[in-house]
N, C-alpha and C. Protein backbone atom coordinates (compact mmCIF):
# COMPACT_ATOMS: atom_id res chain seq x y z
N MET A 1 0.87 -1.29 -0.06
CA MET A 1 0.06 -0.01 -0.02
C MET A 1 0.92 1.33 0.02
N VAL A 2 0.62 2.18 -0.87
CA VAL A 2 1.44 3.37 -1.02
C VAL A 2 0.83 4.52 -0.22
N ARG A 3 1.55 5.03 0.65
CA ARG A 3 1.09 6.12 1.51
C ARG A 3 0.88 7.34 0.66
N SER A 4 -0.11 8.16 0.92
CA SER A 4 -0.23 9.47 0.26
C SER A 4 0.84 10.43 0.70
N GLU A 5 0.99 11.44 0.01
CA GLU A 5 1.90 12.58 0.35
C GLU A 5 1.48 13.08 1.73
N GLU A 6 0.25 13.10 2.15
CA GLU A 6 -0.14 13.77 3.38
C GLU A 6 0.18 12.98 4.55
N THR A 7 0.18 11.52 4.32
CA THR A 7 0.62 10.67 5.39
C THR A 7 2.06 10.29 5.56
N LYS A 8 2.80 10.79 4.67
CA LYS A 8 4.33 10.62 4.85
C LYS A 8 4.80 11.26 5.93
N PRO A 9 5.68 10.46 6.80
CA PRO A 9 6.28 11.14 8.05
C PRO A 9 7.10 12.32 7.70
N GLN A 10 6.96 13.38 8.47
CA GLN A 10 7.74 14.61 8.16
C GLN A 10 9.17 14.52 8.57
N VAL A 11 10.08 14.77 7.93
CA VAL A 11 11.53 14.80 8.45
C VAL A 11 11.86 16.21 8.96
N LYS A 12 12.30 16.29 10.29
CA LYS A 12 12.62 17.56 10.86
C LYS A 12 13.97 17.95 10.27
N PRO A 13 14.18 19.18 9.96
CA PRO A 13 15.49 19.65 9.62
C PRO A 13 16.53 19.40 10.79
N ALA A 14 17.76 19.09 10.52
CA ALA A 14 18.74 19.05 11.50
C ALA A 14 18.85 20.32 12.25
N ARG A 15 19.04 20.21 13.65
CA ARG A 15 19.37 21.42 14.43
C ARG A 15 20.76 21.92 14.33
N THR A 16 20.95 23.14 14.17
CA THR A 16 22.20 23.72 14.01
C THR A 16 22.56 24.44 15.29
N ARG A 17 23.88 24.44 15.69
CA ARG A 17 24.21 25.19 16.83
C ARG A 17 24.09 26.63 16.56
N GLY A 18 23.53 27.35 17.48
CA GLY A 18 23.46 28.73 17.34
C GLY A 18 24.68 29.42 17.45
N ARG A 19 24.80 30.60 16.59
CA ARG A 19 26.15 31.45 16.75
C ARG A 19 25.88 32.40 17.90
N PRO A 20 27.02 32.58 18.46
CA PRO A 20 26.99 33.71 19.68
C PRO A 20 26.45 34.91 19.04
N ARG A 21 25.70 35.65 19.82
CA ARG A 21 25.09 36.94 19.45
C ARG A 21 26.18 38.03 19.30
N SER A 22 26.11 38.62 18.10
CA SER A 22 27.12 39.59 17.90
C SER A 22 26.94 40.96 18.40
N PHE A 23 27.87 41.84 18.59
CA PHE A 23 27.55 43.08 19.29
C PHE A 23 28.35 44.27 18.51
N ASP A 24 28.18 45.40 18.75
CA ASP A 24 28.70 46.56 18.18
C ASP A 24 29.89 46.93 19.12
N ARG A 25 31.11 46.60 18.68
CA ARG A 25 32.32 46.76 19.58
C ARG A 25 32.48 48.24 19.82
N THR A 26 32.19 49.19 18.90
CA THR A 26 32.35 50.60 19.24
C THR A 26 31.53 51.14 20.29
N THR A 27 30.11 50.58 20.26
CA THR A 27 29.24 50.98 21.23
C THR A 27 29.47 50.39 22.60
N ALA A 28 29.96 49.15 22.59
CA ALA A 28 30.36 48.53 23.72
C ALA A 28 31.53 49.19 24.46
N LEU A 29 32.53 49.61 23.72
CA LEU A 29 33.55 50.23 24.22
C LEU A 29 33.28 51.73 24.85
N GLU A 30 32.39 52.38 24.14
CA GLU A 30 31.92 53.63 24.70
C GLU A 30 31.23 53.41 26.05
N GLN A 31 30.37 52.27 26.11
CA GLN A 31 29.83 52.20 27.42
C GLN A 31 30.76 51.82 28.51
N ALA A 32 31.88 51.10 28.17
CA ALA A 32 33.02 50.84 29.10
C ALA A 32 33.55 52.18 29.48
N VAL A 33 33.75 53.11 28.56
CA VAL A 33 34.43 54.42 28.89
C VAL A 33 33.56 55.15 29.96
N LEU A 34 32.29 55.24 29.80
CA LEU A 34 31.38 55.78 30.74
C LEU A 34 31.38 55.09 32.00
N ALA A 35 31.43 53.75 31.98
CA ALA A 35 31.55 53.12 33.44
C ALA A 35 32.65 53.41 34.28
N PHE A 36 33.88 53.21 33.51
CA PHE A 36 35.22 53.55 34.20
C PHE A 36 35.35 55.08 34.49
N TRP A 37 34.75 55.91 33.76
CA TRP A 37 34.74 57.27 34.01
C TRP A 37 33.79 57.72 35.29
N GLU A 38 32.75 57.05 35.28
CA GLU A 38 31.89 57.30 36.44
C GLU A 38 32.39 56.71 37.77
N HIS A 39 32.87 55.38 37.78
CA HIS A 39 33.06 54.68 38.98
C HIS A 39 34.58 54.54 39.29
N GLY A 40 35.53 54.78 38.32
CA GLY A 40 36.80 54.58 38.53
C GLY A 40 37.25 53.11 38.19
N TYR A 41 38.55 52.85 38.20
CA TYR A 41 38.93 51.58 37.83
C TYR A 41 38.62 50.43 38.86
N GLU A 42 38.92 50.60 40.09
CA GLU A 42 38.76 49.61 41.13
C GLU A 42 37.22 49.18 41.34
N ALA A 43 36.45 50.27 41.38
CA ALA A 43 34.95 49.97 41.70
C ALA A 43 34.10 49.61 40.58
N THR A 44 34.69 49.48 39.37
CA THR A 44 34.02 48.91 38.21
C THR A 44 34.25 47.45 37.98
N SER A 45 33.52 46.58 38.25
CA SER A 45 33.73 45.19 38.25
C SER A 45 33.46 44.71 36.77
N VAL A 46 33.89 43.52 36.50
CA VAL A 46 33.57 42.81 35.32
C VAL A 46 32.21 42.51 35.01
N SER A 47 31.45 42.24 36.13
CA SER A 47 29.99 42.11 35.91
C SER A 47 29.29 43.43 35.63
N ASP A 48 29.85 44.44 36.26
CA ASP A 48 29.36 45.84 35.91
C ASP A 48 29.59 46.21 34.44
N LEU A 49 30.67 45.76 33.93
CA LEU A 49 31.14 46.03 32.60
C LEU A 49 30.23 45.17 31.59
N THR A 50 30.13 43.98 31.96
CA THR A 50 29.27 43.05 31.00
C THR A 50 27.84 43.58 30.92
N ARG A 51 27.23 44.12 32.05
CA ARG A 51 25.99 44.62 32.22
C ARG A 51 25.81 45.92 31.23
N VAL A 52 26.61 46.71 31.44
CA VAL A 52 26.46 48.07 30.66
C VAL A 52 26.92 47.91 29.16
N MET A 53 27.76 47.03 28.87
CA MET A 53 28.26 46.78 27.51
C MET A 53 27.19 45.89 26.80
N GLY A 54 26.39 45.06 27.56
CA GLY A 54 25.36 44.22 26.88
C GLY A 54 26.04 43.09 26.27
N ILE A 55 26.97 42.47 26.93
CA ILE A 55 27.79 41.37 26.49
C ILE A 55 28.07 40.41 27.53
N GLY A 56 28.34 39.20 27.34
CA GLY A 56 28.76 38.21 28.39
C GLY A 56 30.21 38.33 28.58
N ALA A 57 30.68 37.70 29.59
CA ALA A 57 32.02 37.76 30.02
C ALA A 57 32.97 37.03 29.04
N PRO A 58 32.54 35.91 28.35
CA PRO A 58 33.39 35.31 27.29
C PRO A 58 33.66 36.32 26.21
N SER A 59 32.50 36.94 25.80
CA SER A 59 32.70 38.06 24.60
C SER A 59 33.58 39.17 25.03
N LEU A 60 33.43 39.65 26.30
CA LEU A 60 34.46 40.62 26.56
C LEU A 60 35.76 40.37 26.68
N TYR A 61 36.11 39.04 27.21
CA TYR A 61 37.49 38.60 27.14
C TYR A 61 38.12 38.33 25.63
N ALA A 62 37.16 37.86 24.87
CA ALA A 62 37.54 37.62 23.51
C ALA A 62 37.77 38.96 22.78
N ALA A 63 36.97 39.81 23.02
CA ALA A 63 37.12 41.12 22.17
C ALA A 63 38.11 42.08 22.80
N PHE A 64 38.18 42.17 24.14
CA PHE A 64 39.01 43.30 24.71
C PHE A 64 40.18 42.63 25.59
N GLY A 65 40.06 41.36 25.89
CA GLY A 65 41.23 40.85 26.77
C GLY A 65 40.52 41.00 28.20
N ASP A 66 41.42 41.01 29.25
CA ASP A 66 40.98 41.16 30.58
C ASP A 66 40.65 42.58 30.96
N LYS A 67 40.21 42.84 32.15
CA LYS A 67 39.75 44.11 32.64
C LYS A 67 40.77 45.16 32.42
N ARG A 68 41.90 44.85 32.71
CA ARG A 68 43.11 45.97 32.69
C ARG A 68 43.45 46.28 31.17
N ALA A 69 43.34 45.24 30.32
CA ALA A 69 43.52 45.54 28.95
C ALA A 69 42.44 46.38 28.46
N LEU A 70 41.15 46.06 28.82
CA LEU A 70 40.03 46.86 28.36
C LEU A 70 40.24 48.19 28.79
N PHE A 71 40.69 48.39 30.16
CA PHE A 71 40.77 49.76 30.70
C PHE A 71 41.79 50.59 29.93
N ALA A 72 42.96 49.89 29.44
CA ALA A 72 43.96 50.60 28.69
C ALA A 72 43.43 51.10 27.43
N GLU A 73 42.49 50.31 26.72
CA GLU A 73 41.78 50.78 25.50
C GLU A 73 40.96 51.86 25.74
N VAL A 74 40.17 51.77 27.04
CA VAL A 74 39.20 52.90 27.31
C VAL A 74 39.98 54.19 27.52
N VAL A 75 41.17 54.20 28.12
CA VAL A 75 41.94 55.30 28.28
C VAL A 75 42.25 55.99 27.09
N THR A 76 42.84 55.16 26.15
CA THR A 76 43.05 55.72 24.71
C THR A 76 41.88 56.35 24.00
N GLU A 77 40.77 55.67 24.14
CA GLU A 77 39.53 56.07 23.64
C GLU A 77 39.05 57.33 24.10
N TYR A 78 39.10 57.59 25.48
CA TYR A 78 38.75 58.73 26.35
C TYR A 78 39.72 59.91 25.70
N GLY A 79 40.99 59.60 25.68
CA GLY A 79 41.86 60.69 25.29
C GLY A 79 41.52 61.15 23.96
N THR A 80 41.18 60.33 22.96
CA THR A 80 40.83 60.70 21.65
C THR A 80 39.57 61.50 21.56
N ARG A 81 38.55 60.87 22.29
CA ARG A 81 37.24 61.46 22.06
C ARG A 81 36.91 62.61 23.00
N TYR A 82 37.49 62.66 24.27
CA TYR A 82 37.09 63.59 25.19
C TYR A 82 38.15 64.38 25.80
N GLY A 83 39.33 63.80 25.88
CA GLY A 83 40.43 64.50 26.55
C GLY A 83 41.49 65.27 25.69
N SER A 84 41.12 65.28 24.38
CA SER A 84 42.22 65.85 23.49
C SER A 84 42.30 67.30 23.47
N PHE A 85 41.28 67.92 24.18
CA PHE A 85 41.25 69.49 24.12
C PHE A 85 42.73 70.05 24.56
N THR A 86 43.28 69.38 25.62
CA THR A 86 44.54 69.97 26.17
C THR A 86 45.66 69.87 25.07
N ASP A 87 45.84 68.67 24.49
CA ASP A 87 46.76 68.69 23.29
C ASP A 87 46.46 69.60 22.12
N ARG A 88 45.19 69.68 21.84
CA ARG A 88 44.98 70.83 20.67
C ARG A 88 45.41 72.04 21.16
N ALA A 89 45.09 72.39 22.30
CA ALA A 89 45.33 73.83 22.81
C ALA A 89 46.91 74.06 22.76
N LEU A 90 47.69 73.12 23.23
CA LEU A 90 49.23 73.25 23.17
C LEU A 90 49.68 73.24 21.87
N ALA A 91 49.03 72.52 20.89
CA ALA A 91 49.53 72.43 19.48
C ALA A 91 49.14 73.66 18.72
N GLU A 92 47.94 74.31 18.90
CA GLU A 92 47.42 75.27 18.03
C GLU A 92 47.58 76.77 18.60
N GLU A 93 47.74 76.93 19.78
CA GLU A 93 47.85 78.37 20.26
C GLU A 93 49.25 78.87 20.34
N PRO A 94 49.52 80.17 19.97
CA PRO A 94 50.90 80.61 19.76
C PRO A 94 51.66 80.79 20.88
N THR A 95 51.19 80.76 22.14
CA THR A 95 52.04 80.85 23.28
C THR A 95 51.45 79.90 24.50
N ALA A 96 52.29 79.68 25.29
CA ALA A 96 52.01 78.92 26.43
C ALA A 96 50.76 79.42 27.26
N GLY A 97 50.75 80.62 27.47
CA GLY A 97 49.68 81.53 28.16
C GLY A 97 48.40 81.19 27.49
N ALA A 98 48.40 81.49 26.09
CA ALA A 98 47.20 81.31 25.38
C ALA A 98 46.68 79.88 25.36
N ALA A 99 47.57 78.99 25.41
CA ALA A 99 47.29 77.56 25.45
C ALA A 99 46.59 77.13 26.78
N VAL A 100 47.17 77.65 27.77
CA VAL A 100 46.63 77.32 29.05
C VAL A 100 45.34 77.98 29.32
N ALA A 101 45.18 79.25 28.91
CA ALA A 101 43.85 79.85 29.07
C ALA A 101 42.78 79.18 28.27
N ARG A 102 43.06 78.72 26.98
CA ARG A 102 42.15 77.84 26.35
C ARG A 102 41.90 76.61 26.94
N MET A 103 42.94 75.86 27.59
CA MET A 103 42.80 74.66 28.18
C MET A 103 41.95 74.65 29.42
N LEU A 104 42.12 75.78 30.18
CA LEU A 104 41.26 75.86 31.31
C LEU A 104 39.73 76.07 31.10
N ARG A 105 39.64 76.95 30.20
CA ARG A 105 38.25 77.33 29.79
C ARG A 105 37.53 76.11 29.16
N GLU A 106 38.19 75.49 28.28
CA GLU A 106 37.60 74.25 27.65
C GLU A 106 37.46 73.15 28.81
N ALA A 107 38.27 73.13 29.76
CA ALA A 107 38.10 72.13 30.93
C ALA A 107 36.77 72.36 31.59
N ALA A 108 36.59 73.74 31.82
CA ALA A 108 35.35 74.08 32.62
C ALA A 108 34.11 73.59 31.80
N SER A 109 34.22 73.69 30.52
CA SER A 109 33.06 73.13 29.70
C SER A 109 32.98 71.65 29.56
N GLU A 110 34.20 71.04 29.28
CA GLU A 110 34.20 69.68 29.07
C GLU A 110 33.90 68.86 30.36
N TYR A 111 34.36 69.27 31.47
CA TYR A 111 34.16 68.63 32.74
C TYR A 111 32.71 68.62 33.28
N THR A 112 31.91 69.46 32.72
CA THR A 112 30.58 69.70 33.16
C THR A 112 29.52 69.45 32.16
N ALA A 113 30.09 68.85 31.00
CA ALA A 113 29.19 68.59 29.93
C ALA A 113 27.85 67.58 30.39
N PRO A 114 26.78 68.05 29.92
CA PRO A 114 25.59 67.05 30.36
C PRO A 114 25.64 65.73 29.58
N GLY A 115 24.98 64.77 30.15
CA GLY A 115 24.80 63.46 29.54
C GLY A 115 25.97 62.59 29.55
N ARG A 116 27.07 62.88 30.47
CA ARG A 116 28.17 61.99 30.73
C ARG A 116 28.75 62.20 32.01
N PRO A 117 29.55 61.53 32.56
CA PRO A 117 30.19 61.69 33.89
C PRO A 117 31.05 62.98 33.97
N HIS A 118 31.19 63.69 34.98
CA HIS A 118 31.85 64.88 35.19
C HIS A 118 33.31 64.65 35.46
N GLY A 119 34.14 65.75 35.28
CA GLY A 119 35.38 65.58 35.63
C GLY A 119 36.26 64.88 34.54
N CYS A 120 37.41 64.25 34.88
CA CYS A 120 38.39 63.81 33.96
C CYS A 120 38.59 62.33 34.38
N LEU A 121 38.45 61.49 33.43
CA LEU A 121 38.46 60.06 33.57
C LEU A 121 39.98 59.71 34.17
N VAL A 122 40.94 60.30 33.41
CA VAL A 122 42.23 60.03 33.85
C VAL A 122 42.76 60.37 35.31
N ILE A 123 42.01 61.48 35.75
CA ILE A 123 42.18 61.90 37.08
C ILE A 123 41.35 61.04 38.15
N HIS A 124 40.11 60.79 37.78
CA HIS A 124 39.21 60.10 38.71
C HIS A 124 39.35 58.65 38.76
N ALA A 125 39.81 58.03 37.69
CA ALA A 125 40.08 56.55 37.65
C ALA A 125 41.17 56.16 38.61
N ALA A 126 42.02 56.97 38.96
CA ALA A 126 43.17 56.60 39.85
C ALA A 126 42.86 56.69 41.20
N THR A 127 41.64 57.32 41.64
CA THR A 127 41.20 57.31 42.90
C THR A 127 41.07 55.91 43.59
N ASN A 128 41.69 55.74 44.73
CA ASN A 128 41.63 54.37 45.49
C ASN A 128 42.00 53.32 44.63
N CYS A 129 42.86 53.45 43.57
CA CYS A 129 43.32 52.46 42.70
C CYS A 129 44.49 51.73 43.42
N THR A 130 44.29 50.35 43.59
CA THR A 130 45.11 49.44 44.16
C THR A 130 45.85 48.41 43.27
N THR A 131 45.63 48.79 41.91
CA THR A 131 46.38 48.02 40.98
C THR A 131 47.68 48.72 40.48
N PRO A 132 48.83 48.36 40.91
CA PRO A 132 49.99 49.14 40.57
C PRO A 132 50.06 49.53 38.94
N GLU A 133 49.94 48.58 38.14
CA GLU A 133 50.15 48.81 36.74
C GLU A 133 49.21 49.86 36.27
N VAL A 134 48.10 49.82 36.72
CA VAL A 134 47.00 50.84 36.26
C VAL A 134 47.38 52.27 36.79
N GLU A 135 47.64 52.27 38.13
CA GLU A 135 48.06 53.50 38.79
C GLU A 135 49.31 54.07 38.10
N ASP A 136 50.25 53.24 37.96
CA ASP A 136 51.41 53.83 37.17
C ASP A 136 51.09 54.37 35.87
N SER A 137 50.47 53.70 35.01
CA SER A 137 50.04 53.99 33.72
C SER A 137 49.43 55.41 33.63
N LEU A 138 48.37 55.73 34.73
CA LEU A 138 47.75 56.88 34.65
C LEU A 138 48.68 58.04 35.22
N ARG A 139 49.48 57.70 36.27
CA ARG A 139 50.43 58.68 36.57
C ARG A 139 51.37 59.13 35.39
N GLU A 140 51.99 58.19 34.78
CA GLU A 140 52.70 58.58 33.56
C GLU A 140 52.04 59.40 32.72
N ARG A 141 50.74 59.13 32.34
CA ARG A 141 50.03 60.09 31.37
C ARG A 141 49.89 61.31 31.89
N ARG A 142 49.54 61.50 33.14
CA ARG A 142 49.43 62.98 33.86
C ARG A 142 50.69 63.69 33.80
N ASN A 143 51.84 62.81 34.09
CA ASN A 143 53.23 63.44 34.08
C ASN A 143 53.62 63.94 32.68
N ALA A 144 53.25 63.15 31.80
CA ALA A 144 53.70 63.41 30.41
C ALA A 144 53.04 64.72 29.94
N ASN A 145 51.76 65.00 30.33
CA ASN A 145 51.06 66.24 30.13
C ASN A 145 51.87 67.34 30.84
N LEU A 146 52.33 67.08 32.00
CA LEU A 146 52.98 68.31 32.61
C LEU A 146 54.34 68.57 31.94
N VAL A 147 55.07 67.50 31.45
CA VAL A 147 56.42 67.69 30.75
C VAL A 147 56.08 68.45 29.48
N ALA A 148 54.90 68.04 28.78
CA ALA A 148 54.75 68.83 27.47
C ALA A 148 54.47 70.31 27.78
N LEU A 149 53.78 70.61 28.76
CA LEU A 149 53.45 71.96 29.24
C LEU A 149 54.73 72.81 29.63
N GLU A 150 55.57 71.95 30.41
CA GLU A 150 56.70 72.66 30.80
C GLU A 150 57.68 72.95 29.78
N ARG A 151 57.78 72.20 28.83
CA ARG A 151 58.59 72.41 27.67
C ARG A 151 58.10 73.50 26.85
N ARG A 152 56.77 73.74 26.80
CA ARG A 152 56.22 74.82 26.03
C ARG A 152 56.46 76.04 26.73
N ILE A 153 56.42 76.11 28.05
CA ILE A 153 56.83 77.15 28.88
C ILE A 153 58.19 77.68 28.72
N GLU A 154 59.08 76.61 28.90
CA GLU A 154 60.47 76.88 28.69
C GLU A 154 60.70 77.64 27.13
N ALA A 155 60.03 77.18 26.10
CA ALA A 155 60.29 77.81 24.87
C ALA A 155 59.79 79.22 24.95
N ASP A 156 58.72 79.51 25.64
CA ASP A 156 58.22 80.83 25.75
C ASP A 156 59.24 81.80 26.53
N ILE A 157 59.83 81.18 27.60
CA ILE A 157 60.85 81.98 28.24
C ILE A 157 62.05 82.29 27.35
N ALA A 158 62.47 81.26 26.51
CA ALA A 158 63.67 81.45 25.66
C ALA A 158 63.25 82.51 24.54
N ALA A 159 61.89 82.52 24.28
CA ALA A 159 61.56 83.56 23.18
C ALA A 159 61.22 84.90 23.73
N GLY A 160 61.23 85.05 25.10
CA GLY A 160 60.83 86.47 25.59
C GLY A 160 59.53 86.64 25.91
N GLU A 161 58.56 85.57 25.76
CA GLU A 161 57.29 85.66 26.03
C GLU A 161 56.81 85.56 27.41
N LEU A 162 57.90 85.08 28.28
CA LEU A 162 57.64 84.94 29.76
C LEU A 162 59.06 85.33 30.40
N PRO A 163 58.92 85.91 31.70
CA PRO A 163 60.11 86.40 32.25
C PRO A 163 61.24 85.51 32.25
N PRO A 164 62.44 85.90 32.12
CA PRO A 164 63.68 85.09 32.28
C PRO A 164 63.70 84.63 33.79
N GLY A 165 64.25 83.37 33.90
CA GLY A 165 64.38 83.09 35.33
C GLY A 165 63.09 82.44 35.87
N LEU A 166 62.03 82.34 35.23
CA LEU A 166 60.88 81.79 35.67
C LEU A 166 60.98 80.20 35.83
N ASP A 167 60.46 79.76 36.94
CA ASP A 167 60.50 78.25 37.11
C ASP A 167 59.42 77.56 36.29
N ALA A 168 59.80 77.10 35.16
CA ALA A 168 58.77 76.47 34.25
C ALA A 168 58.30 75.23 34.80
N GLY A 169 58.97 74.50 35.56
CA GLY A 169 58.46 73.31 36.09
C GLY A 169 57.29 73.52 37.12
N ALA A 170 57.49 74.60 38.02
CA ALA A 170 56.58 75.03 38.97
C ALA A 170 55.33 75.53 38.38
N LEU A 171 55.47 76.39 37.25
CA LEU A 171 54.24 76.98 36.65
C LEU A 171 53.46 75.76 35.98
N ALA A 172 54.18 74.83 35.34
CA ALA A 172 53.42 73.79 34.67
C ALA A 172 52.64 72.91 35.92
N ARG A 173 53.27 72.75 36.89
CA ARG A 173 52.61 71.92 38.03
C ARG A 173 51.38 72.78 38.58
N HIS A 174 51.66 74.02 38.69
CA HIS A 174 50.60 74.90 39.06
C HIS A 174 49.33 74.57 38.18
N THR A 175 49.53 74.79 36.90
CA THR A 175 48.47 74.57 35.91
C THR A 175 47.86 73.18 36.05
N GLY A 176 48.61 72.14 36.23
CA GLY A 176 48.28 70.84 36.56
C GLY A 176 47.38 70.70 37.71
N ALA A 177 47.73 71.41 38.80
CA ALA A 177 46.94 71.36 39.93
C ALA A 177 45.56 72.12 39.84
N VAL A 178 45.56 73.12 38.97
CA VAL A 178 44.32 73.83 38.81
C VAL A 178 43.32 72.81 38.03
N ILE A 179 43.90 72.21 37.01
CA ILE A 179 42.98 71.21 36.11
C ILE A 179 42.61 70.12 36.98
N GLN A 180 43.47 69.54 37.87
CA GLN A 180 42.95 68.47 38.49
C GLN A 180 41.98 68.87 39.61
N GLY A 181 42.12 70.13 40.14
CA GLY A 181 41.19 70.62 41.10
C GLY A 181 39.86 70.93 40.42
N MET A 182 39.83 71.34 39.15
CA MET A 182 38.60 71.65 38.40
C MET A 182 37.85 70.30 38.16
N SER A 183 38.65 69.24 37.95
CA SER A 183 38.00 67.99 37.72
C SER A 183 37.29 67.54 38.88
N GLN A 184 37.89 67.54 40.14
CA GLN A 184 37.28 67.12 41.25
C GLN A 184 35.98 68.00 41.75
N GLN A 185 36.24 69.35 41.45
CA GLN A 185 35.13 70.27 41.73
C GLN A 185 33.87 69.83 40.81
N ALA A 186 34.19 69.59 39.64
CA ALA A 186 33.06 69.15 38.74
C ALA A 186 32.36 68.05 39.28
N ARG A 187 33.09 67.17 39.67
CA ARG A 187 32.50 65.84 40.24
C ARG A 187 31.62 66.23 41.45
N ASP A 188 32.14 67.25 42.23
CA ASP A 188 31.34 67.64 43.47
C ASP A 188 30.34 68.56 43.08
N GLY A 189 29.98 68.88 41.87
CA GLY A 189 28.69 69.57 41.50
C GLY A 189 29.03 71.03 41.03
N ALA A 190 30.23 71.45 40.81
CA ALA A 190 30.42 72.81 40.37
C ALA A 190 29.91 72.95 38.99
N SER A 191 29.53 74.13 38.58
CA SER A 191 28.93 74.44 37.19
C SER A 191 29.97 74.85 36.40
N ARG A 192 29.62 74.79 35.10
CA ARG A 192 30.56 75.29 34.06
C ARG A 192 31.00 76.79 34.48
N GLU A 193 29.97 77.66 34.76
CA GLU A 193 30.24 79.05 35.09
C GLU A 193 31.14 79.14 36.37
N GLU A 194 31.01 78.29 37.31
CA GLU A 194 31.89 78.33 38.50
C GLU A 194 33.20 77.95 38.17
N LEU A 195 33.46 77.06 37.31
CA LEU A 195 34.76 76.58 36.91
C LEU A 195 35.36 77.56 35.91
N ALA A 196 34.64 78.13 35.15
CA ALA A 196 35.13 79.20 34.17
C ALA A 196 35.75 80.38 35.15
N ALA A 197 35.08 80.71 36.08
CA ALA A 197 35.68 81.73 37.07
C ALA A 197 36.85 81.29 37.65
N VAL A 198 37.03 80.09 37.96
CA VAL A 198 38.32 79.45 38.38
C VAL A 198 39.36 79.71 37.33
N ALA A 199 39.11 79.38 36.21
CA ALA A 199 39.95 79.56 35.07
C ALA A 199 40.51 80.87 34.96
N GLU A 200 39.51 81.90 34.92
CA GLU A 200 40.00 83.36 34.74
C GLU A 200 40.93 83.78 36.00
N ILE A 201 40.49 83.25 37.20
CA ILE A 201 41.54 83.71 38.17
C ILE A 201 42.99 83.15 38.06
N ALA A 202 42.97 81.93 37.56
CA ALA A 202 44.23 81.31 37.27
C ALA A 202 44.93 82.10 36.20
N MET A 203 44.28 82.52 35.25
CA MET A 203 45.06 83.24 34.14
C MET A 203 45.25 84.73 34.69
N ASN A 204 44.64 85.23 35.63
CA ASN A 204 44.99 86.60 36.06
C ASN A 204 46.33 86.61 36.79
N ILE A 205 46.81 85.40 37.31
CA ILE A 205 48.01 85.30 37.96
C ILE A 205 49.10 84.83 37.08
N TRP A 206 48.74 84.49 35.80
CA TRP A 206 49.82 84.06 34.88
C TRP A 206 50.86 85.07 34.65
N PRO A 207 52.12 84.61 34.92
CA PRO A 207 53.22 85.71 34.73
C PRO A 207 53.28 86.23 33.23
N ARG A 208 53.76 87.59 33.26
CA ARG A 208 53.96 88.29 31.96
C ARG A 208 55.13 89.04 32.11
N THR A 209 55.59 89.27 30.80
CA THR A 209 56.86 89.93 30.74
C THR A 209 56.64 91.52 30.97
């Protein structure tokens, strides 16, 4: 007896193993930037990162490496996207004084911009950091900024833009202290206008020939 087509047993297709759900790496990295920026290095756990990035731990490790490697990439991304205003000021302004004035005024705006954590990630992420490699890398980055500013001040002294005999290192550190203080003030709730006033006071005492 020949079965009709209707009564033939149906063969189910073979089940295939599902592929891991893909994710947007750029978006995930941006979420990691915001998490580390808000909470610092130590206080941001891997579970915090996977939650805000929308990926599982295996995907995080496969795409970014461990937490420390991810943080190193975060710092680079932050520097490119949010923290480059200091480098631009030094590169584009004609004098160290003009560069610092622009740097401080833009810091007042950048550190209080709505829709993202306040202050500077490179400064804040080092707070209560107990991982020596991370602490050292952040310190080196901050010190490199001071060295760049000190060299620019020295060039202005040599060109007669600043008084001879001026302590370039001390002036660079003063500027760094103002910027770091502005970062913390922003995290404590200072407004853009309040920080802009700090910037103006700092520039009022900037040495002149």
